[in-house]
Amino acid sequence: MGAGKTTFIHAVCDHLHVKDAVSSPTFALINEYHFDDENGKDRIVYHMDWYRINNEEEAMQAGMEDTVANIHAYCFVEWAEKAVNLLPKPYLNISINTVADDERQLECVVIE
């Protein structure tokens, strides 16, 4: 909690020139953001927070399985370990560790 997950996703969305306001989806479970790709086509970023999900069954009932399977969208999942088997492989697992109040360390691992 408070390590900077939403801040990281906000920075990625800024890089993609997302048009929508980026915020934490803690209570909504999922936020959808839009941006235009290099060809002017509308693209989607899904930002999910599975913190309040108890297991894979709950995630599937909430429609998360279909969302992460969308190959035409970017999907960012906070607390993915709550239903990790729903994530299509390969995926990138990014851990954010607090080093100091103003310093974070990111560890990225490709899961195949």
Foldseek 3Di string as FASTA:
>chain_A
DPLQQQVVVVVVCVVQVWPDDGDDCVPVQWDWIWHADPVRDIAIEIEGECPVPQAQVSCVVVVVLVVLPPPRHHYHYHPCVRYVVSHDPFDKDWDWADPDPPDIDIDIDTDD
